[in-house]
């Protein structure tokens, strides 16, 4: 059991290091809403297993309202962009992704966007649906 705990601690430490680096380099956007500005950060990360964990740490530790994490995959030889959204509750991640044929929970949801979209196109698509 102690060995498993040590492995878990190493994995967690790796995710924490990755997250700090991503937090320094992520794209930041301000979306003006009727109830005040919405701070949105976006990042790309190739490790699909930790993207949700990184987004969770970012929404908890950064002064932001929405975190958009994304990565690219091929499904049946068609490029797709998988987008993970975390929010602090000001907007619904579920409603945002549902508009893009995705789904999830109030503060955490996922959608797939067809094609190899540029980072700006991904963020614009999500911001348009917030």
N, C-alpha and C. Protein backbone atom coordinates (compact mmCIF):
# COMPACT_ATOMS: atom_id res chain seq x y z
N UNK A 1 0.81 -1.20 0.00
CA UNK A 1 0.00 0.00 0.00
C UNK A 1 0.86 1.27 0.00
N UNK A 2 1.94 1.25 0.77
CA UNK A 2 2.82 2.40 0.84
C UNK A 2 3.43 2.69 -0.53
N UNK A 3 3.76 1.64 -1.26
CA UNK A 3 4.32 1.80 -2.60
C UNK A 3 3.32 2.50 -3.53
N UNK A 4 2.05 2.10 -3.47
CA UNK A 4 1.00 2.74 -4.28
C UNK A 4 0.84 4.20 -3.91
N UNK A 5 0.91 4.50 -2.63
CA UNK A 5 0.79 5.89 -2.19
C UNK A 5 1.96 6.73 -2.73
N UNK A 6 3.15 6.14 -2.77
CA UNK A 6 4.32 6.85 -3.30
C UNK A 6 4.15 7.13 -4.79
N UNK A 7 3.63 6.15 -5.54
CA UNK A 7 3.37 6.34 -6.96
C UNK A 7 2.34 7.44 -7.16
N UNK A 8 1.27 7.40 -6.38
CA UNK A 8 0.24 8.43 -6.46
C UNK A 8 0.80 9.82 -6.16
N UNK A 9 1.66 9.91 -5.18
CA UNK A 9 2.27 11.20 -4.82
C UNK A 9 3.15 11.72 -5.96
N UNK A 10 3.89 10.82 -6.63
CA UNK A 10 4.72 11.25 -7.76
C UNK A 10 3.85 11.74 -8.92
N UNK A 11 2.76 11.04 -9.19
CA UNK A 11 1.85 11.45 -10.28
C UNK A 11 1.25 12.81 -9.95
N UNK A 12 0.80 12.99 -8.72
CA UNK A 12 0.20 14.26 -8.32
C UNK A 12 1.22 15.39 -8.43
N UNK A 13 2.47 15.14 -8.01
CA UNK A 13 3.51 16.16 -8.10
C UNK A 13 3.77 16.55 -9.55
N UNK A 14 3.74 15.56 -10.45
CA UNK A 14 3.95 15.84 -11.88
C UNK A 14 2.82 16.73 -12.41
N UNK A 15 1.59 16.41 -12.07
CA UNK A 15 0.44 17.22 -12.52
C UNK A 15 0.55 18.63 -11.96
N UNK A 16 0.97 18.77 -10.71
CA UNK A 16 1.12 20.09 -10.11
C UNK A 16 2.17 20.91 -10.87
N UNK A 17 3.31 20.29 -11.22
CA UNK A 17 4.36 21.00 -11.98
C UNK A 17 3.84 21.42 -13.35
N UNK A 18 3.15 20.50 -14.04
CA UNK A 18 2.59 20.81 -15.36
C UNK A 18 1.61 21.97 -15.25
N UNK A 19 0.78 21.93 -14.22
CA UNK A 19 -0.25 22.95 -14.05
C UNK A 19 0.37 24.32 -13.82
N UNK A 20 1.39 24.40 -13.00
CA UNK A 20 2.03 25.70 -12.75
C UNK A 20 2.61 26.27 -14.04
N UNK A 21 3.22 25.44 -14.86
CA UNK A 21 3.76 25.89 -16.14
C UNK A 21 2.64 26.35 -17.07
N UNK A 22 1.56 25.59 -17.14
CA UNK A 22 0.42 25.94 -17.98
C UNK A 22 -0.22 27.24 -17.51
N UNK A 23 -0.32 27.42 -16.19
CA UNK A 23 -0.92 28.64 -15.65
C UNK A 23 -0.12 29.88 -16.05
N UNK A 24 1.19 29.74 -16.14
CA UNK A 24 2.03 30.88 -16.55
C UNK A 24 1.86 31.20 -18.03
N UNK A 25 1.53 30.19 -18.83
CA UNK A 25 1.53 30.36 -20.29
C UNK A 25 0.16 30.28 -20.96
N UNK A 26 -0.90 30.16 -20.20
CA UNK A 26 -2.22 30.00 -20.82
C UNK A 26 -2.70 31.31 -21.45
N UNK A 27 -3.64 31.18 -22.38
CA UNK A 27 -4.26 32.35 -23.01
C UNK A 27 -5.33 32.89 -22.08
N UNK A 28 -5.37 34.20 -21.94
CA UNK A 28 -6.36 34.83 -21.07
C UNK A 28 -7.28 35.72 -21.90
N UNK A 29 -8.57 35.65 -21.60
CA UNK A 29 -9.58 36.42 -22.33
C UNK A 29 -10.55 37.03 -21.33
N UNK A 30 -11.06 38.21 -21.66
CA UNK A 30 -12.10 38.85 -20.87
C UNK A 30 -13.34 38.95 -21.74
N UNK A 31 -14.45 38.40 -21.27
CA UNK A 31 -15.71 38.47 -22.00
C UNK A 31 -16.64 39.35 -21.19
N UNK A 32 -17.08 40.45 -21.79
CA UNK A 32 -17.97 41.36 -21.08
C UNK A 32 -19.40 40.82 -21.10
N UNK A 33 -19.91 40.55 -19.91
CA UNK A 33 -21.28 40.05 -19.74
C UNK A 33 -22.08 41.11 -19.00
N UNK A 34 -23.39 40.98 -19.02
CA UNK A 34 -24.23 41.98 -18.36
C UNK A 34 -23.99 42.02 -16.85
N UNK A 35 -23.59 40.90 -16.25
CA UNK A 35 -23.35 40.89 -14.80
C UNK A 35 -21.87 41.11 -14.46
N UNK A 36 -21.10 41.60 -15.42
CA UNK A 36 -19.69 41.90 -15.18
C UNK A 36 -18.78 41.08 -16.08
N UNK A 37 -17.49 41.41 -16.06
CA UNK A 37 -16.55 40.70 -16.93
C UNK A 37 -16.38 39.24 -16.50
N UNK A 38 -16.23 38.39 -17.50
CA UNK A 38 -16.02 36.96 -17.30
C UNK A 38 -14.57 36.68 -17.70
N UNK A 39 -13.77 36.19 -16.78
CA UNK A 39 -12.37 35.90 -17.06
C UNK A 39 -12.26 34.45 -17.50
N UNK A 40 -11.71 34.25 -18.70
CA UNK A 40 -11.60 32.92 -19.30
C UNK A 40 -10.14 32.65 -19.61
N UNK A 41 -9.66 31.47 -19.23
CA UNK A 41 -8.30 31.06 -19.60
C UNK A 41 -8.40 29.78 -20.42
N UNK A 42 -7.47 29.62 -21.36
CA UNK A 42 -7.50 28.46 -22.24
C UNK A 42 -6.09 27.89 -22.39
N UNK A 43 -6.03 26.56 -22.50
CA UNK A 43 -4.74 25.90 -22.68
C UNK A 43 -4.91 24.63 -23.50
N UNK A 44 -3.82 24.25 -24.16
CA UNK A 44 -3.76 22.99 -24.89
C UNK A 44 -2.81 22.07 -24.14
N UNK A 45 -3.20 20.80 -24.04
CA UNK A 45 -2.34 19.83 -23.35
C UNK A 45 -2.54 18.48 -24.00
N UNK A 46 -1.46 17.85 -24.40
CA UNK A 46 -1.55 16.59 -25.14
C UNK A 46 -1.93 15.40 -24.27
N UNK A 47 -1.72 15.48 -22.97
CA UNK A 47 -2.02 14.35 -22.09
C UNK A 47 -3.49 14.36 -21.70
N UNK A 48 -4.28 13.61 -22.44
CA UNK A 48 -5.72 13.62 -22.22
C UNK A 48 -6.11 13.11 -20.84
N UNK A 49 -5.25 12.33 -20.20
CA UNK A 49 -5.58 11.78 -18.89
C UNK A 49 -5.54 12.84 -17.80
N UNK A 50 -4.71 13.87 -17.97
CA UNK A 50 -4.59 14.86 -16.90
C UNK A 50 -5.24 16.20 -17.23
N UNK A 51 -5.83 16.33 -18.40
CA UNK A 51 -6.39 17.64 -18.78
C UNK A 51 -7.50 18.09 -17.82
N UNK A 52 -8.34 17.16 -17.41
CA UNK A 52 -9.42 17.50 -16.49
C UNK A 52 -8.86 17.89 -15.12
N UNK A 53 -7.83 17.16 -14.66
CA UNK A 53 -7.20 17.49 -13.37
C UNK A 53 -6.56 18.87 -13.42
N UNK A 54 -5.87 19.16 -14.51
CA UNK A 54 -5.23 20.47 -14.66
C UNK A 54 -6.28 21.57 -14.67
N UNK A 55 -7.36 21.37 -15.42
CA UNK A 55 -8.43 22.37 -15.47
C UNK A 55 -9.04 22.58 -14.08
N UNK A 56 -9.20 21.50 -13.32
CA UNK A 56 -9.76 21.61 -11.97
C UNK A 56 -8.83 22.43 -11.06
N UNK A 57 -7.54 22.16 -11.12
CA UNK A 57 -6.59 22.92 -10.30
C UNK A 57 -6.61 24.39 -10.71
N UNK A 58 -6.67 24.66 -12.02
CA UNK A 58 -6.66 26.03 -12.49
C UNK A 58 -7.90 26.80 -12.04
N UNK A 59 -9.08 26.19 -12.13
CA UNK A 59 -10.30 26.90 -11.74
C UNK A 59 -10.31 27.15 -10.23
N UNK A 60 -9.61 26.30 -9.49
CA UNK A 60 -9.53 26.45 -8.03
C UNK A 60 -8.50 27.50 -7.64
N UNK A 61 -7.35 27.52 -8.34
CA UNK A 61 -6.22 28.35 -7.92
C UNK A 61 -6.05 29.67 -8.65
N UNK A 62 -6.69 29.84 -9.80
CA UNK A 62 -6.52 31.07 -10.57
C UNK A 62 -7.73 31.99 -10.39
N UNK A 63 -7.49 33.31 -10.52
CA UNK A 63 -8.62 34.24 -10.49
C UNK A 63 -9.33 34.25 -11.85
N UNK A 64 -10.12 33.22 -12.11
CA UNK A 64 -10.82 33.14 -13.39
C UNK A 64 -12.19 32.50 -13.18
N UNK A 65 -13.06 32.67 -14.17
CA UNK A 65 -14.42 32.13 -14.11
C UNK A 65 -14.58 30.87 -14.93
N UNK A 66 -13.79 30.74 -16.01
CA UNK A 66 -13.90 29.60 -16.91
C UNK A 66 -12.49 29.15 -17.32
N UNK A 67 -12.29 27.83 -17.33
CA UNK A 67 -11.06 27.24 -17.86
C UNK A 67 -11.44 26.35 -19.03
N UNK A 68 -10.77 26.56 -20.16
CA UNK A 68 -10.98 25.75 -21.35
C UNK A 68 -9.68 24.99 -21.62
N UNK A 69 -9.74 23.68 -21.52
CA UNK A 69 -8.60 22.84 -21.85
C UNK A 69 -8.96 22.03 -23.09
N UNK A 70 -8.02 21.84 -24.00
CA UNK A 70 -8.35 21.11 -25.22
C UNK A 70 -7.15 20.31 -25.71
N UNK A 71 -7.47 19.26 -26.48
CA UNK A 71 -6.45 18.47 -27.15
C UNK A 71 -7.04 17.91 -28.42
N UNK A 72 -6.16 17.44 -29.29
CA UNK A 72 -6.58 16.96 -30.61
C UNK A 72 -6.48 15.44 -30.68
N UNK A 73 -7.45 14.82 -31.37
CA UNK A 73 -7.46 13.38 -31.60
C UNK A 73 -7.97 13.12 -33.01
N UNK A 74 -7.78 11.90 -33.47
CA UNK A 74 -8.39 11.46 -34.72
C UNK A 74 -9.39 10.38 -34.37
N UNK A 75 -10.62 10.54 -34.80
CA UNK A 75 -11.66 9.54 -34.61
C UNK A 75 -12.17 9.13 -35.99
N UNK A 76 -11.97 7.88 -36.32
CA UNK A 76 -12.34 7.35 -37.64
C UNK A 76 -11.71 8.19 -38.75
N UNK A 77 -10.43 8.48 -38.58
CA UNK A 77 -9.63 9.26 -39.54
C UNK A 77 -10.10 10.70 -39.73
N UNK A 78 -10.88 11.21 -38.81
CA UNK A 78 -11.35 12.59 -38.87
C UNK A 78 -10.76 13.34 -37.67
N UNK A 79 -10.09 14.47 -37.91
CA UNK A 79 -9.54 15.23 -36.78
C UNK A 79 -10.66 15.82 -35.92
N UNK A 80 -10.47 15.72 -34.63
CA UNK A 80 -11.41 16.24 -33.65
C UNK A 80 -10.64 17.03 -32.60
N UNK A 81 -11.30 17.99 -32.03
CA UNK A 81 -10.75 18.70 -30.89
C UNK A 81 -11.65 18.39 -29.70
N UNK A 82 -11.08 17.83 -28.66
CA UNK A 82 -11.83 17.53 -27.45
C UNK A 82 -11.63 18.71 -26.49
N UNK A 83 -12.73 19.29 -26.04
CA UNK A 83 -12.68 20.48 -25.20
C UNK A 83 -13.28 20.17 -23.84
N UNK A 84 -12.50 20.41 -22.80
CA UNK A 84 -12.95 20.24 -21.43
C UNK A 84 -13.14 21.63 -20.83
N UNK A 85 -14.29 21.86 -20.21
CA UNK A 85 -14.58 23.17 -19.63
C UNK A 85 -14.85 23.02 -18.14
N UNK A 86 -14.23 23.87 -17.36
CA UNK A 86 -14.49 23.97 -15.93
C UNK A 86 -14.92 25.40 -15.65
N UNK A 87 -15.89 25.57 -14.76
CA UNK A 87 -16.32 26.92 -14.38
C UNK A 87 -16.39 27.03 -12.86
N UNK A 88 -16.45 28.28 -12.41
CA UNK A 88 -16.62 28.51 -10.98
C UNK A 88 -18.09 28.64 -10.61
N UNK A 89 -18.98 28.42 -11.56
CA UNK A 89 -20.42 28.47 -11.29
C UNK A 89 -21.13 29.69 -11.85
N UNK A 90 -20.40 30.71 -12.28
CA UNK A 90 -21.04 31.90 -12.87
C UNK A 90 -21.75 31.57 -14.16
N UNK A 91 -21.19 30.64 -14.93
CA UNK A 91 -21.83 30.17 -16.16
C UNK A 91 -21.89 28.65 -16.08
N UNK A 92 -22.77 28.07 -16.86
CA UNK A 92 -22.94 26.62 -16.86
C UNK A 92 -22.08 25.96 -17.92
N UNK A 93 -21.16 25.11 -17.48
CA UNK A 93 -20.35 24.34 -18.43
C UNK A 93 -21.25 23.41 -19.23
N UNK A 94 -22.25 22.84 -18.59
CA UNK A 94 -23.17 21.91 -19.24
C UNK A 94 -23.95 22.58 -20.37
N UNK A 95 -24.50 23.76 -20.10
CA UNK A 95 -25.27 24.46 -21.14
C UNK A 95 -24.37 24.86 -22.31
N UNK A 96 -23.15 25.27 -22.00
CA UNK A 96 -22.21 25.67 -23.05
C UNK A 96 -21.90 24.49 -23.95
N UNK A 97 -21.58 23.34 -23.37
CA UNK A 97 -21.22 22.18 -24.19
C UNK A 97 -22.44 21.56 -24.85
N UNK A 98 -23.59 21.65 -24.21
CA UNK A 98 -24.81 21.10 -24.82
C UNK A 98 -25.10 21.81 -26.15
N UNK A 99 -24.82 23.11 -26.22
CA UNK A 99 -25.02 23.86 -27.46
C UNK A 99 -24.08 23.36 -28.56
N UNK A 100 -23.04 22.62 -28.17
CA UNK A 100 -22.05 22.10 -29.12
C UNK A 100 -22.10 20.57 -29.17
N UNK A 101 -23.26 20.00 -28.85
CA UNK A 101 -23.49 18.55 -28.86
C UNK A 101 -22.62 17.80 -27.85
N UNK A 102 -22.29 18.45 -26.76
CA UNK A 102 -21.55 17.80 -25.68
C UNK A 102 -22.43 17.73 -24.46
N UNK A 103 -21.82 17.65 -23.31
CA UNK A 103 -22.59 17.60 -22.08
C UNK A 103 -21.72 17.41 -20.87
N UNK A 104 -22.37 17.37 -19.73
CA UNK A 104 -21.64 17.19 -18.48
C UNK A 104 -22.43 17.75 -17.33
N UNK A 105 -21.72 18.40 -16.45
CA UNK A 105 -22.30 18.92 -15.22
C UNK A 105 -22.27 20.45 -15.23
N UNK A 106 -22.85 21.06 -14.23
CA UNK A 106 -22.92 22.52 -14.13
C UNK A 106 -21.54 23.16 -14.20
N UNK A 107 -20.56 22.58 -13.52
CA UNK A 107 -19.22 23.19 -13.46
C UNK A 107 -18.15 22.43 -14.24
N UNK A 108 -18.50 21.32 -14.86
CA UNK A 108 -17.51 20.52 -15.59
C UNK A 108 -18.20 19.79 -16.73
N UNK A 109 -17.73 20.02 -17.96
CA UNK A 109 -18.36 19.39 -19.13
C UNK A 109 -17.37 19.27 -20.27
N UNK A 110 -17.75 18.47 -21.27
CA UNK A 110 -16.88 18.18 -22.41
C UNK A 110 -17.68 18.23 -23.70
N UNK A 111 -17.01 18.64 -24.79
CA UNK A 111 -17.60 18.55 -26.12
C UNK A 111 -16.49 18.23 -27.12
N UNK A 112 -16.89 17.76 -28.29
CA UNK A 112 -15.98 17.48 -29.40
C UNK A 112 -16.30 18.45 -30.53
N UNK A 113 -15.27 19.08 -31.06
CA UNK A 113 -15.43 19.97 -32.20
C UNK A 113 -14.76 19.31 -33.40
N UNK A 114 -15.46 19.26 -34.51
CA UNK A 114 -14.93 18.60 -35.71
C UNK A 114 -13.86 19.45 -36.37
N UNK A 115 -12.84 18.76 -36.87
CA UNK A 115 -11.79 19.43 -37.61
C UNK A 115 -10.60 19.79 -36.74
N UNK A 116 -9.53 20.15 -37.38
CA UNK A 116 -8.34 20.60 -36.68
C UNK A 116 -8.43 22.12 -36.57
N UNK A 117 -9.07 22.59 -35.52
CA UNK A 117 -9.30 24.03 -35.34
C UNK A 117 -8.09 24.69 -34.70
N UNK A 118 -7.88 25.94 -35.05
CA UNK A 118 -6.80 26.70 -34.42
C UNK A 118 -7.21 27.01 -32.98
N UNK A 119 -6.24 27.29 -32.11
CA UNK A 119 -6.59 27.66 -30.73
C UNK A 119 -7.56 28.84 -30.69
N UNK A 120 -7.36 29.84 -31.56
CA UNK A 120 -8.28 30.99 -31.57
C UNK A 120 -9.69 30.56 -31.95
N UNK A 121 -9.83 29.65 -32.92
CA UNK A 121 -11.16 29.18 -33.32
C UNK A 121 -11.85 28.40 -32.19
N UNK A 122 -11.07 27.60 -31.48
CA UNK A 122 -11.63 26.83 -30.36
C UNK A 122 -12.16 27.79 -29.29
N UNK A 123 -11.32 28.73 -28.88
CA UNK A 123 -11.73 29.67 -27.84
C UNK A 123 -12.92 30.50 -28.31
N UNK A 124 -12.88 30.97 -29.55
CA UNK A 124 -14.00 31.77 -30.08
C UNK A 124 -15.29 30.96 -30.05
N UNK A 125 -15.23 29.70 -30.43
CA UNK A 125 -16.43 28.85 -30.44
C UNK A 125 -17.00 28.72 -29.03
N UNK A 126 -16.14 28.50 -28.05
CA UNK A 126 -16.62 28.35 -26.68
C UNK A 126 -17.14 29.69 -26.16
N UNK A 127 -16.40 30.76 -26.37
CA UNK A 127 -16.82 32.09 -25.87
C UNK A 127 -18.18 32.47 -26.46
N UNK A 128 -18.41 32.14 -27.72
CA UNK A 128 -19.68 32.46 -28.37
C UNK A 128 -20.84 31.74 -27.70
N UNK A 129 -20.57 30.60 -27.09
CA UNK A 129 -21.63 29.80 -26.48
C UNK A 129 -21.73 29.93 -24.97
N UNK A 130 -20.91 30.80 -24.36
CA UNK A 130 -20.99 30.99 -22.91
C UNK A 130 -22.22 31.81 -22.56
